[in-house]
PDB file of N, CA and C in Angstrom:
ATOM      1  N   MET A   1     -38.757 -19.801  34.478  1.00  0.00           N
ATOM      2  CA  MET A   1     -38.071 -18.579  34.434  1.00  0.00           C
ATOM      3  C   MET A   1     -38.361 -18.125  32.848  1.00  0.00           C
ATOM      4  N   ARG A   2     -38.227 -19.099  31.988  1.00  0.00           N
ATOM      5  CA  ARG A   2     -38.216 -18.706  30.462  1.00  0.00           C
ATOM      6  C   ARG A   2     -39.701 -18.151  30.449  1.00  0.00           C
ATOM      7  N   PHE A   3     -40.655 -18.741  30.947  1.00  0.00           N
ATOM      8  CA  PHE A   3     -42.109 -18.311  30.620  1.00  0.00           C
ATOM      9  C   PHE A   3     -42.258 -16.763  31.091  1.00  0.00           C
ATOM     10  N   VAL A   4     -41.420 -16.308  32.029  1.00  0.00           N
ATOM     11  CA  VAL A   4     -41.660 -14.964  32.489  1.00  0.00           C
ATOM     12  C   VAL A   4     -40.852 -13.866  31.694  1.00  0.00           C
ATOM     13  N   ILE A   5     -39.497 -14.439  31.367  1.00  0.00           N
ATOM     14  CA  ILE A   5     -38.696 -13.492  30.635  1.00  0.00           C
ATOM     15  C   ILE A   5     -39.133 -13.104  29.022  1.00  0.00           C
ATOM     16  N   PHE A   6     -39.644 -14.189  28.424  1.00  0.00           N
ATOM     17  CA  PHE A   6     -40.071 -13.945  27.026  1.00  0.00           C
ATOM     18  C   PHE A   6     -41.150 -13.116  26.932  1.00  0.00           C
ATOM     19  N   PRO A   7     -42.329 -13.124  27.791  1.00  0.00           N
ATOM     20  CA  PRO A   7     -43.497 -12.083  27.482  1.00  0.00           C
ATOM     21  C   PRO A   7     -42.868 -10.707  27.924  1.00  0.00           C
ATOM     22  N   ILE A   8     -42.098 -10.625  28.923  1.00  0.00           N
ATOM     23  CA  ILE A   8     -41.551  -9.228  29.107  1.00  0.00           C
ATOM     24  C   ILE A   8     -40.708  -8.664  28.095  1.00  0.00           C
ATOM     25  N   PHE A   9     -39.779  -9.583  27.485  1.00  0.00           N
ATOM     26  CA  PHE A   9     -39.014  -9.258  26.203  1.00  0.00           C
ATOM     27  C   PHE A   9     -39.988  -8.849  25.174  1.00  0.00           C
ATOM     28  N   ILE A  10     -41.047  -9.408  24.836  1.00  0.00           N
ATOM     29  CA  ILE A  10     -41.987  -9.028  23.728  1.00  0.00           C
ATOM     30  C   ILE A  10     -42.639  -7.784  24.003  1.00  0.00           C
ATOM     31  N   VAL A  11     -43.185  -7.457  25.181  1.00  0.00           N
ATOM     32  CA  VAL A  11     -43.647  -6.206  25.647  1.00  0.00           C
ATOM     33  C   VAL A  11     -42.960  -5.033  25.436  1.00  0.00           C
ATOM     34  N   VAL A  12     -41.574  -5.195  25.980  1.00  0.00           N
ATOM     35  CA  VAL A  12     -40.713  -4.094  25.877  1.00  0.00           C
ATOM     36  C   VAL A  12     -40.225  -3.857  24.453  1.00  0.00           C
ATOM     37  N   PHE A  13     -40.070  -4.960  23.596  1.00  0.00           N
ATOM     38  CA  PHE A  13     -39.693  -4.743  22.173  1.00  0.00           C
ATOM     39  C   PHE A  13     -40.849  -3.959  21.427  1.00  0.00           C
ATOM     40  N   LEU A  14     -42.042  -4.446  21.689  1.00  0.00           N
ATOM     41  CA  LEU A  14     -43.333  -3.792  20.876  1.00  0.00           C
ATOM     42  C   LEU A  14     -43.462  -2.140  21.503  1.00  0.00           C
ATOM     43  N   SER A  15     -43.334  -2.072  22.591  1.00  0.00           N
ATOM     44  CA  SER A  15     -43.367  -0.626  23.028  1.00  0.00           C
ATOM     45  C   SER A  15     -42.258   0.289  22.492  1.00  0.00           C
ATOM     46  N   LEU A  16     -41.134  -0.347  22.403  1.00  0.00           N
ATOM     47  CA  LEU A  16     -40.118   0.571  21.840  1.00  0.00           C
ATOM     48  C   LEU A  16     -40.227   0.680  20.293  1.00  0.00           C
ATOM     49  N   SER A  17     -40.745  -0.206  19.538  1.00  0.00           N
ATOM     50  CA  SER A  17     -40.913  -0.067  18.150  1.00  0.00           C
ATOM     51  C   SER A  17     -42.221   0.334  17.733  1.00  0.00           C
ATOM     52  N   GLY A  18     -43.277   0.582  18.499  1.00  0.00           N
ATOM     53  CA  GLY A  18     -44.603   0.543  18.111  1.00  0.00           C
ATOM     54  C   GLY A  18     -45.064   2.077  17.864  1.00  0.00           C
ATOM     55  N   SER A  19     -44.192   2.960  18.251  1.00  0.00           N
ATOM     56  CA  SER A  19     -44.573   4.571  17.987  1.00  0.00           C
ATOM     57  C   SER A  19     -44.516   4.863  16.504  1.00  0.00           C
ATOM     58  N   GLU A  20     -43.444   4.415  15.771  1.00  0.00           N
ATOM     59  CA  GLU A  20     -43.119   4.615  14.221  1.00  0.00           C
ATOM     60  C   GLU A  20     -44.041   3.647  13.459  1.00  0.00           C
ATOM     61  N   THR A  21     -44.302   2.440  14.002  1.00  0.00           N
ATOM     62  CA  THR A  21     -44.785   1.459  13.174  1.00  0.00           C
ATOM     63  C   THR A  21     -46.385   1.876  12.970  1.00  0.00           C
ATOM     64  N   PHE A  22     -46.999   2.332  14.059  1.00  0.00           N
ATOM     65  CA  PHE A  22     -48.547   2.584  13.777  1.00  0.00           C
ATOM     66  C   PHE A  22     -48.887   4.102  13.574  1.00  0.00           C
ATOM     67  N   GLY A  23     -47.784   4.783  13.179  1.00  0.00           N
ATOM     68  CA  GLY A  23     -48.221   6.307  12.903  1.00  0.00           C
ATOM     69  C   GLY A  23     -48.767   6.440  11.578  1.00  0.00           C
ATOM     70  N   GLY A  24     -49.752   7.275  11.533  1.00  0.00           N
ATOM     71  CA  GLY A  24     -50.311   7.692  10.290  1.00  0.00           C
ATOM     72  C   GLY A  24     -49.626   8.657   9.573  1.00  0.00           C
ATOM     73  N   PRO A  25     -50.166   8.971   8.312  1.00  0.00           N
ATOM     74  CA  PRO A  25     -49.370  10.016   7.632  1.00  0.00           C
ATOM     75  C   PRO A  25     -49.689  11.438   8.193  1.00  0.00           C
ATOM     76  N   HIS A  26     -48.733  12.321   8.083  1.00  0.00           N
ATOM     77  CA  HIS A  26     -48.681  13.627   8.735  1.00  0.00           C
ATOM     78  C   HIS A  26     -49.022  14.547   7.655  1.00  0.00           C
ATOM     79  N   GLU A  27     -49.406  14.372   6.386  1.00  0.00           N
ATOM     80  CA  GLU A  27     -49.471  15.344   5.440  1.00  0.00           C
ATOM     81  C   GLU A  27     -50.984  15.814   5.669  1.00  0.00           C
ATOM     82  N   LYS A  28     -51.167  16.964   5.033  1.00  0.00           N
ATOM     83  CA  LYS A  28     -52.493  17.798   5.180  1.00  0.00           C
ATOM     84  C   LYS A  28     -53.463  16.991   4.261  1.00  0.00           C
ATOM     85  N   PRO A  29     -54.729  16.881   4.442  1.00  0.00           N
ATOM     86  CA  PRO A  29     -55.674  16.013   3.445  1.00  0.00           C
ATOM     87  C   PRO A  29     -55.758  16.889   2.324  1.00  0.00           C
ATOM     88  N   VAL A  30     -56.035  16.325   1.245  1.00  0.00           N
ATOM     89  CA  VAL A  30     -56.336  16.771  -0.058  1.00  0.00           C
ATOM     90  C   VAL A  30     -57.656  17.596  -0.046  1.00  0.00           C
ATOM     91  N   THR A  31     -58.682  17.033   0.546  1.00  0.00           N
ATOM     92  CA  THR A  31     -59.890  17.664   0.795  1.00  0.00           C
ATOM     93  C   THR A  31     -60.086  17.729   2.281  1.00  0.00           C
ATOM     94  N   PRO A  32     -60.182  18.867   2.906  1.00  0.00           N
ATOM     95  CA  PRO A  32     -60.398  19.046   4.331  1.00  0.00           C
ATOM     96  C   PRO A  32     -61.879  18.514   4.602  1.00  0.00           C
ATOM     97  N   TYR A  33     -61.919  17.901   5.760  1.00  0.00           N
ATOM     98  CA  TYR A  33     -63.350  17.278   6.098  1.00  0.00           C
ATOM     99  C   TYR A  33     -64.514  18.366   6.005  1.00  0.00           C
ATOM    100  N   GLY A  34     -65.305  17.953   5.171  1.00  0.00           N
ATOM    101  CA  GLY A  34     -66.545  18.729   5.034  1.00  0.00           C
ATOM    102  C   GLY A  34     -66.402  20.210   4.350  1.00  0.00           C
ATOM    103  N   ASP A  35     -65.672  20.100   3.436  1.00  0.00           N
ATOM    104  CA  ASP A  35     -65.077  21.568   2.823  1.00  0.00           C
ATOM    105  C   ASP A  35     -66.426  21.777   1.890  1.00  0.00           C
ATOM    106  N   SER A  36     -66.529  23.288   1.591  1.00  0.00           N
ATOM    107  CA  SER A  36     -67.494  23.746   0.667  1.00  0.00           C
ATOM    108  C   SER A  36     -67.001  24.122  -0.554  1.00  0.00           C
ATOM    109  N   CYS A  37     -67.860  24.152  -1.546  1.00  0.00           N
ATOM    110  CA  CYS A  37     -67.623  24.681  -2.982  1.00  0.00           C
ATOM    111  C   CYS A  37     -67.385  26.193  -2.753  1.00  0.00           C
ATOM    112  N   PRO A  38     -66.439  26.739  -3.758  1.00  0.00           N
ATOM    113  CA  PRO A  38     -66.263  28.137  -3.715  1.00  0.00           C
ATOM    114  C   PRO A  38     -67.434  28.939  -4.204  1.00  0.00           C
ATOM    115  N   GLN A  39     -68.369  28.469  -5.016  1.00  0.00           N
ATOM    116  CA  GLN A  39     -69.431  29.122  -5.390  1.00  0.00           C
ATOM    117  C   GLN A  39     -70.632  29.226  -4.189  1.00  0.00           C
ATOM    118  N   CYS A  40     -70.646  28.265  -3.269  1.00  0.00           N
ATOM    119  CA  CYS A  40     -71.619  28.234  -2.238  1.00  0.00           C
ATOM    120  C   CYS A  40     -70.802  28.842  -1.037  1.00  0.00           C
ATOM    121  N   GLU A  41     -71.264  29.765  -0.080  1.00  0.00           N
ATOM    122  CA  GLU A  41     -70.482  30.358   0.867  1.00  0.00           C
ATOM    123  C   GLU A  41     -70.315  29.332   1.991  1.00  0.00           C
ATOM    124  N   LYS A  42     -71.309  28.942   2.530  1.00  0.00           N
ATOM    125  CA  LYS A  42     -71.258  27.962   3.703  1.00  0.00           C
ATOM    126  C   LYS A  42     -72.199  26.783   3.518  1.00  0.00           C
ATOM    127  N   TYR A  43     -72.224  25.777   4.350  1.00  0.00           N
ATOM    128  CA  TYR A  43     -72.865  24.722   4.240  1.00  0.00           C
ATOM    129  C   TYR A  43     -74.535  24.887   4.127  1.00  0.00           C
ATOM    130  N   GLY A  44     -75.073  24.506   3.029  1.00  0.00           N
ATOM    131  CA  GLY A  44     -76.543  24.642   2.783  1.00  0.00           C
ATOM    132  C   GLY A  44     -76.876  25.933   2.319  1.00  0.00           C
ATOM    133  N   THR A  45     -76.146  26.853   1.806  1.00  0.00           N
ATOM    134  CA  THR A  45     -76.489  28.146   1.378  1.00  0.00           C
ATOM    135  C   THR A  45     -76.524  28.280  -0.158  1.00  0.00           C
ATOM    136  N   CYS A  46     -76.390  27.360  -0.901  1.00  0.00           N
ATOM    137  CA  CYS A  46     -76.648  27.354  -2.348  1.00  0.00           C
ATOM    138  C   CYS A  46     -78.192  27.722  -2.590  1.00  0.00           C
ATOM    139  N   ASN A  47     -78.515  28.550  -3.381  1.00  0.00           N
ATOM    140  CA  ASN A  47     -79.822  28.952  -3.623  1.00  0.00           C
ATOM    141  C   ASN A  47     -80.671  27.977  -4.141  1.00  0.00           C
ATOM    142  N   LYS A  48     -79.964  27.160  -5.318  1.00  0.00           N
ATOM    143  CA  LYS A  48     -80.627  26.065  -6.121  1.00  0.00           C
ATOM    144  C   LYS A  48     -79.541  25.219  -6.308  1.00  0.00           C
ATOM    145  N   ILE A  49     -80.165  23.940  -6.846  1.00  0.00           N
ATOM    146  CA  ILE A  49     -79.085  22.878  -7.154  1.00  0.00           C
ATOM    147  C   ILE A  49     -78.373  23.289  -8.447  1.00  0.00           C
ATOM    148  N   MET A  50     -77.009  22.998  -8.321  1.00  0.00           N
ATOM    149  CA  MET A  50     -76.293  23.296  -9.489  1.00  0.00           C
ATOM    150  C   MET A  50     -76.303  22.412 -10.641  1.00  0.00           C
ATOM    151  N   THR A  51     -76.164  23.043 -11.771  1.00  0.00           N
ATOM    152  CA  THR A  51     -76.230  22.096 -13.067  1.00  0.00           C
ATOM    153  C   THR A  51     -75.132  21.285 -12.921  1.00  0.00           C
ATOM    154  N   ASP A  52     -74.984  20.294 -13.837  1.00  0.00           N
ATOM    155  CA  ASP A  52     -73.824  19.530 -13.910  1.00  0.00           C
ATOM    156  C   ASP A  52     -72.535  20.124 -14.346  1.00  0.00           C
ATOM    157  N   TYR A  53     -72.652  21.087 -15.346  1.00  0.00           N
ATOM    158  CA  TYR A  53     -71.737  21.856 -15.846  1.00  0.00           C
ATOM    159  C   TYR A  53     -71.124  22.813 -14.772  1.00  0.00           C
ATOM    160  N   ASP A  54     -71.985  23.455 -14.056  1.00  0.00           N
ATOM    161  CA  ASP A  54     -71.545  24.443 -13.087  1.00  0.00           C
ATOM    162  C   ASP A  54     -70.741  23.650 -11.813  1.00  0.00           C
ATOM    163  N   ALA A  55     -71.392  22.410 -11.472  1.00  0.00           N
ATOM    164  CA  ALA A  55     -70.799  21.687 -10.425  1.00  0.00           C
ATOM    165  C   ALA A  55     -69.133  21.254 -11.049  1.00  0.00           C
ATOM    166  N   GLU A  56     -69.153  20.869 -12.158  1.00  0.00           N
ATOM    167  CA  GLU A  56     -67.887  20.497 -12.676  1.00  0.00           C
ATOM    168  C   GLU A  56     -66.962  21.558 -12.750  1.00  0.00           C
ATOM    169  N   LYS A  57     -67.435  22.660 -13.079  1.00  0.00           N
ATOM    170  CA  LYS A  57     -66.587  23.889 -13.354  1.00  0.00           C
ATOM    171  C   LYS A  57     -66.051  24.099 -11.906  1.00  0.00           C
ATOM    172  N   ALA A  58     -66.968  24.245 -11.033  1.00  0.00           N
ATOM    173  CA  ALA A  58     -66.613  24.573  -9.434  1.00  0.00           C
ATOM    174  C   ALA A  58     -65.620  23.686  -9.007  1.00  0.00           C
ATOM    175  N   LEU A  59     -65.567  22.400  -9.136  1.00  0.00           N
ATOM    176  CA  LEU A  59     -64.782  21.350  -8.669  1.00  0.00           C
ATOM    177  C   LEU A  59     -63.285  21.531  -9.410  1.00  0.00           C
ATOM    178  N   ASN A  60     -63.438  21.779 -10.588  1.00  0.00           N
ATOM    179  CA  ASN A  60     -62.135  21.960 -11.454  1.00  0.00           C
ATOM    180  C   ASN A  60     -61.541  23.164 -10.904  1.00  0.00           C
ATOM    181  N   ASP A  61     -62.012  24.424 -10.578  1.00  0.00           N
ATOM    182  CA  ASP A  61     -61.580  25.608 -10.080  1.00  0.00           C
ATOM    183  C   ASP A  61     -61.001  25.311  -8.478  1.00  0.00           C
ATOM    184  N   TYR A  62     -61.790  24.611  -7.810  1.00  0.00           N
ATOM    185  CA  TYR A  62     -61.230  24.160  -6.462  1.00  0.00           C
ATOM    186  C   TYR A  62     -59.930  23.460  -6.564  1.00  0.00           C
ATOM    187  N   TYR A  63     -59.776  22.382  -7.452  1.00  0.00           N
ATOM    188  CA  TYR A  63     -58.778  21.647  -7.247  1.00  0.00           C
ATOM    189  C   TYR A  63     -57.635  22.166  -8.143  1.00  0.00           C
ATOM    190  N   ASN A  64     -57.932  22.818  -9.216  1.00  0.00           N
ATOM    191  CA  ASN A  64     -56.786  23.316 -10.122  1.00  0.00           C
ATOM    192  C   ASN A  64     -56.067  24.204  -8.969  1.00  0.00           C
ATOM    193  N   LYS A  65     -56.408  25.012  -8.239  1.00  0.00           N
ATOM    194  CA  LYS A  65     -55.754  25.934  -7.300  1.00  0.00           C
ATOM    195  C   LYS A  65     -54.583  25.082  -6.504  1.00  0.00           C
ATOM    196  N   LYS A  66     -55.049  23.917  -6.320  1.00  0.00           N
ATOM    197  CA  LYS A  66     -54.074  22.858  -5.487  1.00  0.00           C
ATOM    198  C   LYS A  66     -53.292  21.999  -6.407  1.00  0.00           C
ATOM    199  N   GLY A  67     -53.485  22.415  -7.786  1.00  0.00           N
ATOM    200  CA  GLY A  67     -52.407  21.666  -8.703  1.00  0.00           C
ATOM    201  C   GLY A  67     -52.903  20.170  -9.053  1.00  0.00           C
ATOM    202  N   LEU A  68     -54.311  19.960  -8.908  1.00  0.00           N
ATOM    203  CA  LEU A  68     -54.677  18.760  -9.082  1.00  0.00           C
ATOM    204  C   LEU A  68     -55.780  18.581 -10.184  1.00  0.00           C
ATOM    205  N   LYS A  69     -56.195  17.547 -10.645  1.00  0.00           N
ATOM    206  CA  LYS A  69     -57.099  17.406 -11.966  1.00  0.00           C
ATOM    207  C   LYS A  69     -58.270  16.527 -11.272  1.00  0.00           C
ATOM    208  N   VAL A  70     -59.501  16.905 -11.695  1.00  0.00           N
ATOM    209  CA  VAL A  70     -60.620  16.196 -11.463  1.00  0.00           C
ATOM    210  C   VAL A  70     -61.332  15.330 -12.623  1.00  0.00           C
ATOM    211  N   GLU A  71     -61.557  14.017 -12.088  1.00  0.00           N
ATOM    212  CA  GLU A  71     -62.115  13.081 -13.184  1.00  0.00           C
ATOM    213  C   GLU A  71     -63.459  12.990 -12.793  1.00  0.00           C
ATOM    214  N   MET A  72     -64.624  13.262 -13.328  1.00  0.00           N
ATOM    215  CA  MET A  72     -65.835  12.919 -12.997  1.00  0.00           C
ATOM    216  C   MET A  72     -66.184  11.449 -13.146  1.00  0.00           C
ATOM    217  N   GLU A  73     -66.720  10.819 -12.086  1.00  0.00           N
ATOM    218  CA  GLU A  73     -66.873   9.333 -12.242  1.00  0.00           C
ATOM    219  C   GLU A  73     -68.493   9.036 -12.311  1.00  0.00           C
ATOM    220  N   LYS A  74     -69.187   9.578 -11.616  1.00  0.00           N
ATOM    221  CA  LYS A  74     -70.540   9.025 -11.436  1.00  0.00           C
ATOM    222  C   LYS A  74     -71.390  10.134 -11.081  1.00  0.00           C
ATOM    223  N   LYS A  75     -72.678  10.508 -11.743  1.00  0.00           N
ATOM    224  CA  LYS A  75     -73.608  11.352 -11.336  1.00  0.00           C
ATOM    225  C   LYS A  75     -74.864  10.643 -10.895  1.00  0.00           C
ATOM    226  N   LYS A  76     -75.404  10.954  -9.813  1.00  0.00           N
ATOM    227  CA  LYS A  76     -76.788  10.279  -9.313  1.00  0.00           C
ATOM    228  C   LYS A  76     -77.421  11.205  -8.629  1.00  0.00           C
ATOM    229  N   GLY A  77     -78.614  11.739  -9.053  1.00  0.00           N
ATOM    230  CA  GLY A  77     -79.502  12.750  -8.350  1.00  0.00           C
ATOM    231  C   GLY A  77     -78.642  14.244  -8.187  1.00  0.00           C
ATOM    232  N   ARG A  78     -78.513  14.438  -7.003  1.00  0.00           N
ATOM    233  CA  ARG A  78     -77.942  15.740  -6.550  1.00  0.00           C
ATOM    234  C   ARG A  78     -76.428  15.418  -6.282  1.00  0.00           C
ATOM    235  N   PHE A  79     -75.721  14.301  -6.396  1.00  0.00           N
ATOM    236  CA  PHE A  79     -74.628  14.018  -5.937  1.00  0.00           C
ATOM    237  C   PHE A  79     -73.477  13.534  -7.029  1.00  0.00           C
ATOM    238  N   ILE A  80     -72.348  13.876  -6.985  1.00  0.00           N
ATOM    239  CA  ILE A  80     -71.441  13.702  -8.054  1.00  0.00           C
ATOM    240  C   ILE A  80     -70.250  13.012  -7.231  1.00  0.00           C
ATOM    241  N   LYS A  81     -69.784  11.877  -7.997  1.00  0.00           N
ATOM    242  CA  LYS A  81     -68.661  11.125  -7.457  1.00  0.00           C
ATOM    243  C   LYS A  81     -67.412  11.385  -8.398  1.00  0.00           C
ATOM    244  N   ALA A  82     -66.329  11.803  -7.766  1.00  0.00           N
ATOM    245  CA  ALA A  82     -65.205  12.202  -8.720  1.00  0.00           C
ATOM    246  C   ALA A  82     -63.840  11.692  -8.087  1.00  0.00           C
ATOM    247  N   LYS A  83     -62.978  11.234  -9.116  1.00  0.00           N
ATOM    248  CA  LYS A  83     -61.626  11.106  -8.627  1.00  0.00           C
ATOM    249  C   LYS A  83     -60.483  12.347  -8.676  1.00  0.00           C
ATOM    250  N   ILE A  84     -59.688  12.413  -7.696  1.00  0.00           N
ATOM    251  CA  ILE A  84     -58.927  13.656  -7.804  1.00  0.00           C
ATOM    252  C   ILE A  84     -57.531  13.104  -7.968  1.00  0.00           C
ATOM    253  N   HIS A  85     -56.656  13.648  -9.052  1.00  0.00           N
ATOM    254  CA  HIS A  85     -55.510  13.110  -9.597  1.00  0.00           C
ATOM    255  C   HIS A  85     -54.297  14.122  -9.140  1.00  0.00           C
ATOM    256  N   ASN A  86     -53.284  13.797  -8.955  1.00  0.00           N
ATOM    257  CA  ASN A  86     -52.069  14.573  -9.165  1.00  0.00           C
ATOM    258  C   ASN A  86     -51.407  14.166 -10.615  1.00  0.00           C
ATOM    259  N   LYS A  87     -50.206  14.392 -10.578  1.00  0.00           N
ATOM    260  CA  LYS A  87     -49.561  13.970 -11.934  1.00  0.00           C
ATOM    261  C   LYS A  87     -49.487  12.535 -12.297  1.00  0.00           C
ATOM    262  N   THR A  88     -49.493  11.737 -11.168  1.00  0.00           N
ATOM    263  CA  THR A  88     -49.377  10.214 -11.277  1.00  0.00           C
ATOM    264  C   THR A  88     -50.427   9.348 -10.786  1.00  0.00           C
ATOM    265  N   ASP A  89     -50.917   9.619  -9.679  1.00  0.00           N
ATOM    266  CA  ASP A  89     -51.748   8.872  -8.973  1.00  0.00           C
ATOM    267  C   ASP A  89     -53.188   9.572  -8.580  1.00  0.00           C
ATOM    268  N   ILE A  90     -54.164   8.666  -8.037  1.00  0.00           N
ATOM    269  CA  ILE A  90     -55.196   9.200  -7.634  1.00  0.00           C
ATOM    270  C   ILE A  90     -54.956   9.454  -5.994  1.00  0.00           C
ATOM    271  N   VAL A  91     -55.239  10.685  -5.676  1.00  0.00           N
ATOM    272  CA  VAL A  91     -54.795  11.079  -4.425  1.00  0.00           C
ATOM    273  C   VAL A  91     -56.110  11.167  -3.471  1.00  0.00           C
ATOM    274  N   ASP A  92     -57.459  11.238  -3.962  1.00  0.00           N
ATOM    275  CA  ASP A  92     -58.491  11.274  -3.112  1.00  0.00           C
ATOM    276  C   ASP A  92     -59.929  10.931  -4.271  1.00  0.00           C
ATOM    277  N   VAL A  93     -60.874  10.463  -3.649  1.00  0.00           N
ATOM    278  CA  VAL A  93     -62.185  10.175  -4.141  1.00  0.00           C
ATOM    279  C   VAL A  93     -63.204  10.950  -3.536  1.00  0.00           C
ATOM    280  N   ILE A  94     -63.808  11.886  -3.965  1.00  0.00           N
ATOM    281  CA  ILE A  94     -64.880  12.784  -3.303  1.00  0.00           C
ATOM    282  C   ILE A  94     -66.200  12.503  -3.762  1.00  0.00           C
ATOM    283  N   ILE A  95     -67.386  12.915  -2.964  1.00  0.00           N
ATOM    284  CA  ILE A  95     -68.565  13.228  -3.304  1.00  0.00           C
ATOM    285  C   ILE A  95     -69.054  14.552  -3.127  1.00  0.00           C
ATOM    286  N   PHE A  96     -69.538  15.038  -4.173  1.00  0.00           N
ATOM    287  CA  PHE A  96     -69.918  16.486  -4.150  1.00  0.00           C
ATOM    288  C   PHE A  96     -71.406  16.687  -4.247  1.00  0.00           C
ATOM    289  N   ASP A  97     -71.931  17.348  -3.135  1.00  0.00           N
ATOM    290  CA  ASP A  97     -73.429  17.442  -3.166  1.00  0.00           C
ATOM    291  C   ASP A  97     -73.790  18.982  -3.867  1.00  0.00           C
ATOM    292  N   ARG A  98     -74.543  18.848  -5.022  1.00  0.00           N
ATOM    293  CA  ARG A  98     -74.747  19.889  -5.923  1.00  0.00           C
ATOM    294  C   ARG A  98     -75.756  20.886  -5.169  1.00  0.00           C
ATOM    295  N   GLN A  99     -76.557  20.443  -4.142  1.00  0.00           N
ATOM    296  CA  GLN A  99     -77.492  21.320  -3.610  1.00  0.00           C
ATOM    297  C   GLN A  99     -76.868  22.096  -2.471  1.00  0.00           C
ATOM    298  N   THR A 100     -76.095  21.444  -1.701  1.00  0.00           N
ATOM    299  CA  THR A 100     -75.413  22.359  -0.497  1.00  0.00           C
ATOM    300  C   THR A 100     -74.143  22.822  -0.835  1.00  0.00           C
ATOM    301  N   GLY A 101     -73.270  22.295  -2.049  1.00  0.00           N
ATOM    302  CA  GLY A 101     -71.942  22.617  -2.062  1.00  0.00           C
ATOM    303  C   GLY A 101     -70.961  21.989  -1.319  1.00  0.00           C
ATOM    304  N   ARG A 102     -71.309  21.126  -0.724  1.00  0.00           N
ATOM    305  CA  ARG A 102     -70.385  20.184   0.261  1.00  0.00           C
ATOM    306  C   ARG A 102     -69.515  19.143  -0.561  1.00  0.00           C
ATOM    307  N   ILE A 103     -68.342  19.272  -0.119  1.00  0.00           N
ATOM    308  CA  ILE A 103     -67.302  18.386  -0.690  1.00  0.00           C
ATOM    309  C   ILE A 103     -66.860  17.400   0.390  1.00  0.00           C
ATOM    310  N   ARG A 104     -67.210  16.199   0.216  1.00  0.00           N
ATOM    311  CA  ARG A 104     -66.617  15.175   1.324  1.00  0.00           C
ATOM    312  C   ARG A 104     -65.691  14.037   0.720  1.00  0.00           C
ATOM    313  N   SER A 105     -64.531  13.615   1.278  1.00  0.00           N
ATOM    314  CA  SER A 105     -63.789  12.782   0.852  1.00  0.00           C
ATOM    315  C   SER A 105     -64.469  11.432   1.274  1.00  0.00           C
ATOM    316  N   THR A 106     -64.222  10.437   0.468  1.00  0.00           N
ATOM    317  CA  THR A 106     -64.600   9.056   0.816  1.00  0.00           C
ATOM    318  C   THR A 106     -63.671   8.327   1.583  1.00  0.00           C
ATOM    319  N   TYR A 107     -62.457   8.844   1.775  1.00  0.00           N
ATOM    320  CA  TYR A 107     -61.357   8.003   2.421  1.00  0.00           C
ATOM    321  C   TYR A 107     -61.414   8.372   3.716  1.00  0.00           C
TER     322      TYR A 107
END
């Protein structure tokens, strides 16, 4: 009898407590999936590869509107990796494609 009641108790307990335990954050993401740079209209429509200066300025403009700061981390080829900060923490790490203007979160 004990071998039957104990598993039933565990299943009932986990089903009642599991909805809040495994819930993810309900906040809007800092960088929506596959967002584009304000200087490029849509995916793949930049006429030429942006310079490092233009890319940094575009990212700063994009995130300053959201009250965040950009820290450039690594530049390799046409890609730039950057950390996005609020006042106290890193809130996102992104990769920016200077050719297409695409901004992608690495989280």
